[in-house]
Amino acid sequence: MKIKILLFGILSTLAKSRELEYTDIFSIKELKHKLFDQYPELKQYQFQVYVNQQAVNEKQIFKEGDEIALIPPFAGG
């Protein structure tokens, strides 16, 4: 199974990429484990997970072709 991960804000800066692709990741827990292994500096940042442009909770299970966006809190006015 293949999923696409879109990174925004500081997350994309730290990962040096706006887009990642992973296989055999089925849940947010697995995704965070993989990301934090690969990019340990991401652990210190909070972010919301969106699947196919919908905010989801930690229990979300991914399907083939899902587009996952990781979005940190934005500030501004």
PDB file of N, CA and C in Angstrom:
ATOM      1  N   MET A   1       0.845  -1.176   0.000  1.00  0.00           N
ATOM      2  CA  MET A   1       0.000   0.000   0.000  1.00  0.00           C
ATOM      3  C   MET A   1       0.889   1.236   0.000  1.00  0.00           C
ATOM      4  N   LYS A   2       0.538   2.207  -0.813  1.00  0.00           N
ATOM      5  CA  LYS A   2       1.320   3.425  -0.953  1.00  0.00           C
ATOM      6  C   LYS A   2       0.461   4.624  -0.544  1.00  0.00           C
ATOM      7  N   ILE A   3       1.049   5.521   0.275  1.00  0.00           N
ATOM      8  CA  ILE A   3       0.363   6.758   0.655  1.00  0.00           C
ATOM      9  C   ILE A   3       1.308   7.935   0.432  1.00  0.00           C
ATOM     10  N   LYS A   4       0.703   9.097   0.146  1.00  0.00           N
ATOM     11  CA  LYS A   4       1.471  10.316  -0.062  1.00  0.00           C
ATOM     12  C   LYS A   4       1.279  11.215   1.147  1.00  0.00           C
ATOM     13  N   ILE A   5       2.392  11.775   1.643  1.00  0.00           N
ATOM     14  CA  ILE A   5       2.384  12.657   2.803  1.00  0.00           C
ATOM     15  C   ILE A   5       2.781  14.049   2.339  1.00  0.00           C
ATOM     16  N   LEU A   6       1.940  15.045   2.610  1.00  0.00           N
ATOM     17  CA  LEU A   6       2.254  16.436   2.325  1.00  0.00           C
ATOM     18  C   LEU A   6       2.631  17.118   3.625  1.00  0.00           C
ATOM     19  N   LEU A   7       3.732  17.835   3.622  1.00  0.00           N
ATOM     20  CA  LEU A   7       4.223  18.522   4.814  1.00  0.00           C
ATOM     21  C   LEU A   7       4.125  20.031   4.602  1.00  0.00           C
ATOM     22  N   PHE A   8       3.693  20.742   5.636  1.00  0.00           N
ATOM     23  CA  PHE A   8       3.531  22.186   5.543  1.00  0.00           C
ATOM     24  C   PHE A   8       4.309  22.890   6.640  1.00  0.00           C
ATOM     25  N   GLY A   9       4.619  24.173   6.398  1.00  0.00           N
ATOM     26  CA  GLY A   9       5.261  25.007   7.406  1.00  0.00           C
ATOM     27  C   GLY A   9       6.613  24.460   7.838  1.00  0.00           C
ATOM     28  N   ILE A  10       6.856  24.551   9.136  1.00  0.00           N
ATOM     29  CA  ILE A  10       8.131  24.124   9.719  1.00  0.00           C
ATOM     30  C   ILE A  10       8.407  22.642   9.469  1.00  0.00           C
ATOM     31  N   LEU A  11       7.361  21.848   9.327  1.00  0.00           N
ATOM     32  CA  LEU A  11       7.541  20.413   9.096  1.00  0.00           C
ATOM     33  C   LEU A  11       8.257  20.155   7.772  1.00  0.00           C
ATOM     34  N   SER A  12       7.862  20.883   6.731  1.00  0.00           N
ATOM     35  CA  SER A  12       8.528  20.707   5.431  1.00  0.00           C
ATOM     36  C   SER A  12       9.959  21.233   5.471  1.00  0.00           C
ATOM     37  N   THR A  13      10.181  22.297   6.237  1.00  0.00           N
ATOM     38  CA  THR A  13      11.535  22.839   6.378  1.00  0.00           C
ATOM     39  C   THR A  13      12.451  21.818   7.044  1.00  0.00           C
ATOM     40  N   LEU A  14      12.000  21.210   8.125  1.00  0.00           N
ATOM     41  CA  LEU A  14      12.827  20.248   8.855  1.00  0.00           C
ATOM     42  C   LEU A  14      13.074  18.974   8.054  1.00  0.00           C
ATOM     43  N   ALA A  15      12.070  18.528   7.305  1.00  0.00           N
ATOM     44  CA  ALA A  15      12.215  17.309   6.506  1.00  0.00           C
ATOM     45  C   ALA A  15      12.902  17.580   5.160  1.00  0.00           C
ATOM     46  N   LYS A  16      13.089  18.872   4.850  1.00  0.00           N
ATOM     47  CA  LYS A  16      13.697  19.274   3.578  1.00  0.00           C
ATOM     48  C   LYS A  16      12.917  18.748   2.372  1.00  0.00           C
ATOM     49  N   SER A  17      11.606  18.642   2.573  1.00  0.00           N
ATOM     50  CA  SER A  17      10.740  18.171   1.498  1.00  0.00           C
ATOM     51  C   SER A  17       9.302  18.570   1.805  1.00  0.00           C
ATOM     52  N   ARG A  18       8.551  18.869   0.767  1.00  0.00           N
ATOM     53  CA  ARG A  18       7.128  19.168   0.950  1.00  0.00           C
ATOM     54  C   ARG A  18       6.276  17.914   0.758  1.00  0.00           C
ATOM     55  N   GLU A  19       6.882  16.860   0.237  1.00  0.00           N
ATOM     56  CA  GLU A  19       6.123  15.647  -0.055  1.00  0.00           C
ATOM     57  C   GLU A  19       6.976  14.405   0.186  1.00  0.00           C
ATOM     58  N   LEU A  20       6.374  13.425   0.845  1.00  0.00           N
ATOM     59  CA  LEU A  20       7.012  12.132   1.085  1.00  0.00           C
ATOM     60  C   LEU A  20       6.061  11.047   0.614  1.00  0.00           C
ATOM     61  N   GLU A  21       6.603   9.886   0.356  1.00  0.00           N
ATOM     62  CA  GLU A  21       5.768   8.751  -0.012  1.00  0.00           C
ATOM     63  C   GLU A  21       6.231   7.543   0.782  1.00  0.00           C
ATOM     64  N   TYR A  22       5.287   6.857   1.396  1.00  0.00           N
ATOM     65  CA  TYR A  22       5.605   5.674   2.190  1.00  0.00           C
ATOM     66  C   TYR A  22       4.743   4.501   1.734  1.00  0.00           C
ATOM     67  N   THR A  23       5.276   3.313   1.970  1.00  0.00           N
ATOM     68  CA  THR A  23       4.502   2.098   1.739  1.00  0.00           C
ATOM     69  C   THR A  23       4.359   1.373   3.074  1.00  0.00           C
ATOM     70  N   ASP A  24       3.325   0.597   3.182  1.00  0.00           N
ATOM     71  CA  ASP A  24       3.074  -0.237   4.363  1.00  0.00           C
ATOM     72  C   ASP A  24       2.951   0.560   5.661  1.00  0.00           C
ATOM     73  N   ILE A  25       2.337   1.722   5.585  1.00  0.00           N
ATOM     74  CA  ILE A  25       1.960   2.509   6.760  1.00  0.00           C
ATOM     75  C   ILE A  25       0.436   2.520   6.768  1.00  0.00           C
ATOM     76  N   PHE A  26      -0.164   2.051   7.853  1.00  0.00           N
ATOM     77  CA  PHE A  26      -1.616   1.874   7.873  1.00  0.00           C
ATOM     78  C   PHE A  26      -2.348   2.762   8.870  1.00  0.00           C
ATOM     79  N   SER A  27      -1.602   3.458   9.754  1.00  0.00           N
ATOM     80  CA  SER A  27      -2.267   4.263  10.784  1.00  0.00           C
ATOM     81  C   SER A  27      -1.432   5.499  11.116  1.00  0.00           C
ATOM     82  N   ILE A  28      -2.042   6.432  11.801  1.00  0.00           N
ATOM     83  CA  ILE A  28      -1.339   7.637  12.225  1.00  0.00           C
ATOM     84  C   ILE A  28      -0.207   7.274  13.182  1.00  0.00           C
ATOM     85  N   LYS A  29      -0.443   6.325  14.055  1.00  0.00           N
ATOM     86  CA  LYS A  29       0.596   5.894  14.986  1.00  0.00           C
ATOM     87  C   LYS A  29       1.827   5.383  14.227  1.00  0.00           C
ATOM     88  N   GLU A  30       1.611   4.532  13.223  1.00  0.00           N
ATOM     89  CA  GLU A  30       2.723   4.016  12.413  1.00  0.00           C
ATOM     90  C   GLU A  30       3.413   5.136  11.637  1.00  0.00           C
ATOM     91  N   LEU A  31       2.613   6.065  11.118  1.00  0.00           N
ATOM     92  CA  LEU A  31       3.169   7.184  10.367  1.00  0.00           C
ATOM     93  C   LEU A  31       4.064   8.040  11.255  1.00  0.00           C
ATOM     94  N   LYS A  32       3.580   8.384  12.452  1.00  0.00           N
ATOM     95  CA  LYS A  32       4.381   9.199  13.364  1.00  0.00           C
ATOM     96  C   LYS A  32       5.664   8.468  13.772  1.00  0.00           C
ATOM     97  N   HIS A  33       5.562   7.185  14.014  1.00  0.00           N
ATOM     98  CA  HIS A  33       6.751   6.402  14.370  1.00  0.00           C
ATOM     99  C   HIS A  33       7.795   6.476  13.251  1.00  0.00           C
ATOM    100  N   LYS A  34       7.354   6.280  12.019  1.00  0.00           N
ATOM    101  CA  LYS A  34       8.254   6.328  10.864  1.00  0.00           C
ATOM    102  C   LYS A  34       8.848   7.723  10.701  1.00  0.00           C
ATOM    103  N   LEU A  35       8.009   8.751  10.781  1.00  0.00           N
ATOM    104  CA  LEU A  35       8.486  10.124  10.634  1.00  0.00           C
ATOM    105  C   LEU A  35       9.488  10.501  11.720  1.00  0.00           C
ATOM    106  N   PHE A  36       9.171  10.171  12.971  1.00  0.00           N
ATOM    107  CA  PHE A  36      10.035  10.542  14.084  1.00  0.00           C
ATOM    108  C   PHE A  36      11.345   9.762  14.070  1.00  0.00           C
ATOM    109  N   ASP A  37      11.323   8.553  13.505  1.00  0.00           N
ATOM    110  CA  ASP A  37      12.568   7.798  13.305  1.00  0.00           C
ATOM    111  C   ASP A  37      13.449   8.485  12.262  1.00  0.00           C
ATOM    112  N   GLN A  38      12.808   8.875  11.180  1.00  0.00           N
ATOM    113  CA  GLN A  38      13.527   9.468  10.056  1.00  0.00           C
ATOM    114  C   GLN A  38      13.904  10.932  10.318  1.00  0.00           C
ATOM    115  N   TYR A  39      13.017  11.665  10.999  1.00  0.00           N
ATOM    116  CA  TYR A  39      13.213  13.089  11.286  1.00  0.00           C
ATOM    117  C   TYR A  39      12.936  13.347  12.765  1.00  0.00           C
ATOM    118  N   PRO A  40      13.855  13.006  13.661  1.00  0.00           N
ATOM    119  CA  PRO A  40      13.600  13.115  15.105  1.00  0.00           C
ATOM    120  C   PRO A  40      13.248  14.528  15.572  1.00  0.00           C
ATOM    121  N   GLU A  41      13.708  15.540  14.859  1.00  0.00           N
ATOM    122  CA  GLU A  41      13.418  16.913  15.258  1.00  0.00           C
ATOM    123  C   GLU A  41      11.930  17.273  15.129  1.00  0.00           C
ATOM    124  N   LEU A  42      11.167  16.484  14.388  1.00  0.00           N
ATOM    125  CA  LEU A  42       9.724  16.734  14.252  1.00  0.00           C
ATOM    126  C   LEU A  42       8.966  16.460  15.552  1.00  0.00           C
ATOM    127  N   LYS A  43       9.548  15.669  16.446  1.00  0.00           N
ATOM    128  CA  LYS A  43       8.874  15.298  17.703  1.00  0.00           C
ATOM    129  C   LYS A  43       8.472  16.509  18.531  1.00  0.00           C
ATOM    130  N   GLN A  44       9.225  17.582  18.432  1.00  0.00           N
ATOM    131  CA  GLN A  44       8.964  18.743  19.274  1.00  0.00           C
ATOM    132  C   GLN A  44       7.831  19.639  18.751  1.00  0.00           C
ATOM    133  N   TYR A  45       7.267  19.313  17.595  1.00  0.00           N
ATOM    134  CA  TYR A  45       6.223  20.147  16.992  1.00  0.00           C
ATOM    135  C   TYR A  45       4.871  19.450  16.997  1.00  0.00           C
ATOM    136  N   GLN A  46       3.855  20.222  17.285  1.00  0.00           N
ATOM    137  CA  GLN A  46       2.492  19.709  17.189  1.00  0.00           C
ATOM    138  C   GLN A  46       1.999  19.922  15.765  1.00  0.00           C
ATOM    139  N   PHE A  47       1.147  19.023  15.304  1.00  0.00           N
ATOM    140  CA  PHE A  47       0.553  19.186  13.984  1.00  0.00           C
ATOM    141  C   PHE A  47      -0.752  18.407  13.915  1.00  0.00           C
ATOM    142  N   GLN A  48      -1.630  18.865  13.039  1.00  0.00           N
ATOM    143  CA  GLN A  48      -2.905  18.207  12.790  1.00  0.00           C
ATOM    144  C   GLN A  48      -2.738  17.318  11.568  1.00  0.00           C
ATOM    145  N   VAL A  49      -3.361  16.154  11.601  1.00  0.00           N
ATOM    146  CA  VAL A  49      -3.318  15.228  10.474  1.00  0.00           C
ATOM    147  C   VAL A  49      -4.634  15.324   9.699  1.00  0.00           C
ATOM    148  N   TYR A  50      -4.511  15.500   8.386  1.00  0.00           N
ATOM    149  CA  TYR A  50      -5.662  15.517   7.492  1.00  0.00           C
ATOM    150  C   TYR A  50      -5.511  14.360   6.512  1.00  0.00           C
ATOM    151  N   VAL A  51      -6.607  13.675   6.244  1.00  0.00           N
ATOM    152  CA  VAL A  51      -6.618  12.607   5.245  1.00  0.00           C
ATOM    153  C   VAL A  51      -7.630  12.995   4.185  1.00  0.00           C
ATOM    154  N   ASN A  52      -7.148  13.116   2.958  1.00  0.00           N
ATOM    155  CA  ASN A  52      -7.997  13.524   1.844  1.00  0.00           C
ATOM    156  C   ASN A  52      -8.763  14.806   2.182  1.00  0.00           C
ATOM    157  N   GLN A  53      -8.042  15.769   2.762  1.00  0.00           N
ATOM    158  CA  GLN A  53      -8.516  17.113   3.099  1.00  0.00           C
ATOM    159  C   GLN A  53      -9.540  17.144   4.237  1.00  0.00           C
ATOM    160  N   GLN A  54      -9.593  16.097   5.061  1.00  0.00           N
ATOM    161  CA  GLN A  54     -10.484  16.042   6.221  1.00  0.00           C
ATOM    162  C   GLN A  54      -9.652  15.820   7.480  1.00  0.00           C
ATOM    163  N   ALA A  55      -9.878  16.660   8.500  1.00  0.00           N
ATOM    164  CA  ALA A  55      -9.185  16.472   9.777  1.00  0.00           C
ATOM    165  C   ALA A  55      -9.617  15.125  10.360  1.00  0.00           C
ATOM    166  N   VAL A  56      -8.653  14.391  10.906  1.00  0.00           N
ATOM    167  CA  VAL A  56      -8.940  13.059  11.448  1.00  0.00           C
ATOM    168  C   VAL A  56      -8.349  12.938  12.849  1.00  0.00           C
ATOM    169  N   ASN A  57      -8.818  11.929  13.574  1.00  0.00           N
ATOM    170  CA  ASN A  57      -8.266  11.677  14.910  1.00  0.00           C
ATOM    171  C   ASN A  57      -7.214  10.570  14.819  1.00  0.00           C
ATOM    172  N   GLU A  58      -6.611  10.274  15.940  1.00  0.00           N
ATOM    173  CA  GLU A  58      -5.498   9.307  15.996  1.00  0.00           C
ATOM    174  C   GLU A  58      -5.899   7.878  15.606  1.00  0.00           C
ATOM    175  N   LYS A  59      -7.182   7.587  15.538  1.00  0.00           N
ATOM    176  CA  LYS A  59      -7.623   6.222  15.233  1.00  0.00           C
ATOM    177  C   LYS A  59      -7.813   5.970  13.734  1.00  0.00           C
ATOM    178  N   GLN A  60      -7.561   6.975  12.923  1.00  0.00           N
ATOM    179  CA  GLN A  60      -7.760   6.860  11.483  1.00  0.00           C
ATOM    180  C   GLN A  60      -6.873   5.763  10.889  1.00  0.00           C
ATOM    181  N   ILE A  61      -7.459   4.942  10.028  1.00  0.00           N
ATOM    182  CA  ILE A  61      -6.725   3.909   9.293  1.00  0.00           C
ATOM    183  C   ILE A  61      -6.628   4.372   7.837  1.00  0.00           C
ATOM    184  N   PHE A  62      -5.447   4.246   7.255  1.00  0.00           N
ATOM    185  CA  PHE A  62      -5.231   4.692   5.884  1.00  0.00           C
ATOM    186  C   PHE A  62      -5.626   3.628   4.876  1.00  0.00           C
ATOM    187  N   LYS A  63      -5.984   4.112   3.668  1.00  0.00           N
ATOM    188  CA  LYS A  63      -6.299   3.237   2.541  1.00  0.00           C
ATOM    189  C   LYS A  63      -5.344   3.566   1.391  1.00  0.00           C
ATOM    190  N   GLU A  64      -5.170   2.630   0.497  1.00  0.00           N
ATOM    191  CA  GLU A  64      -4.343   2.828  -0.689  1.00  0.00           C
ATOM    192  C   GLU A  64      -4.729   4.140  -1.376  1.00  0.00           C
ATOM    193  N   GLY A  65      -3.716   4.946  -1.687  1.00  0.00           N
ATOM    194  CA  GLY A  65      -3.945   6.187  -2.416  1.00  0.00           C
ATOM    195  C   GLY A  65      -4.325   7.383  -1.569  1.00  0.00           C
ATOM    196  N   ASP A  66      -4.475   7.211  -0.258  1.00  0.00           N
ATOM    197  CA  ASP A  66      -4.810   8.345   0.595  1.00  0.00           C
ATOM    198  C   ASP A  66      -3.735   9.416   0.505  1.00  0.00           C
ATOM    199  N   GLU A  67      -4.176  10.661   0.592  1.00  0.00           N
ATOM    200  CA  GLU A  67      -3.261  11.793   0.663  1.00  0.00           C
ATOM    201  C   GLU A  67      -3.335  12.343   2.080  1.00  0.00           C
ATOM    202  N   ILE A  68      -2.218  12.305   2.776  1.00  0.00           N
ATOM    203  CA  ILE A  68      -2.159  12.731   4.174  1.00  0.00           C
ATOM    204  C   ILE A  68      -1.403  14.050   4.228  1.00  0.00           C
ATOM    205  N   ALA A  69      -1.989  15.033   4.887  1.00  0.00           N
ATOM    206  CA  ALA A  69      -1.337  16.325   5.071  1.00  0.00           C
ATOM    207  C   ALA A  69      -1.056  16.520   6.561  1.00  0.00           C
ATOM    208  N   LEU A  70       0.152  16.973   6.863  1.00  0.00           N
ATOM    209  CA  LEU A  70       0.551  17.277   8.230  1.00  0.00           C
ATOM    210  C   LEU A  70       0.701  18.784   8.315  1.00  0.00           C
ATOM    211  N   ILE A  71      -0.163  19.404   9.135  1.00  0.00           N
ATOM    212  CA  ILE A  71      -0.236  20.860   9.161  1.00  0.00           C
ATOM    213  C   ILE A  71      -0.021  21.349  10.598  1.00  0.00           C
ATOM    214  N   PRO A  72       1.047  22.138  10.802  1.00  0.00           N
ATOM    215  CA  PRO A  72       1.286  22.708  12.139  1.00  0.00           C
ATOM    216  C   PRO A  72       0.318  23.876  12.365  1.00  0.00           C
ATOM    217  N   PRO A  73       0.169  24.318  13.616  1.00  0.00           N
ATOM    218  CA  PRO A  73      -0.674  25.486  13.886  1.00  0.00           C
ATOM    219  C   PRO A  73      -0.103  26.708  13.160  1.00  0.00           C
ATOM    220  N   PHE A  74      -0.989  27.531  12.632  1.00  0.00           N
ATOM    221  CA  PHE A  74      -0.578  28.746  11.956  1.00  0.00           C
ATOM    222  C   PHE A  74      -0.858  29.939  12.834  1.00  0.00           C
ATOM    223  N   ALA A  75      -0.020  30.928  12.759  1.00  0.00           N
ATOM    224  CA  ALA A  75      -0.227  32.178  13.480  1.00  0.00           C
ATOM    225  C   ALA A  75      -0.326  33.295  12.438  1.00  0.00           C
ATOM    226  N   GLY A  76      -0.953  34.344  12.809  1.00  0.00           N
ATOM    227  CA  GLY A  76      -1.041  35.477  11.896  1.00  0.00           C
ATOM    228  C   GLY A  76      -2.349  36.203  12.077  1.00  0.00           C
ATOM    229  N   GLY A  77      -2.581  37.120  11.240  1.00  0.00           N
ATOM    230  CA  GLY A  77      -3.814  37.874  11.399  1.00  0.00           C
ATOM    231  C   GLY A  77      -4.174  38.681  10.230  1.00  0.00           C
TER     232      GLY A  77
END
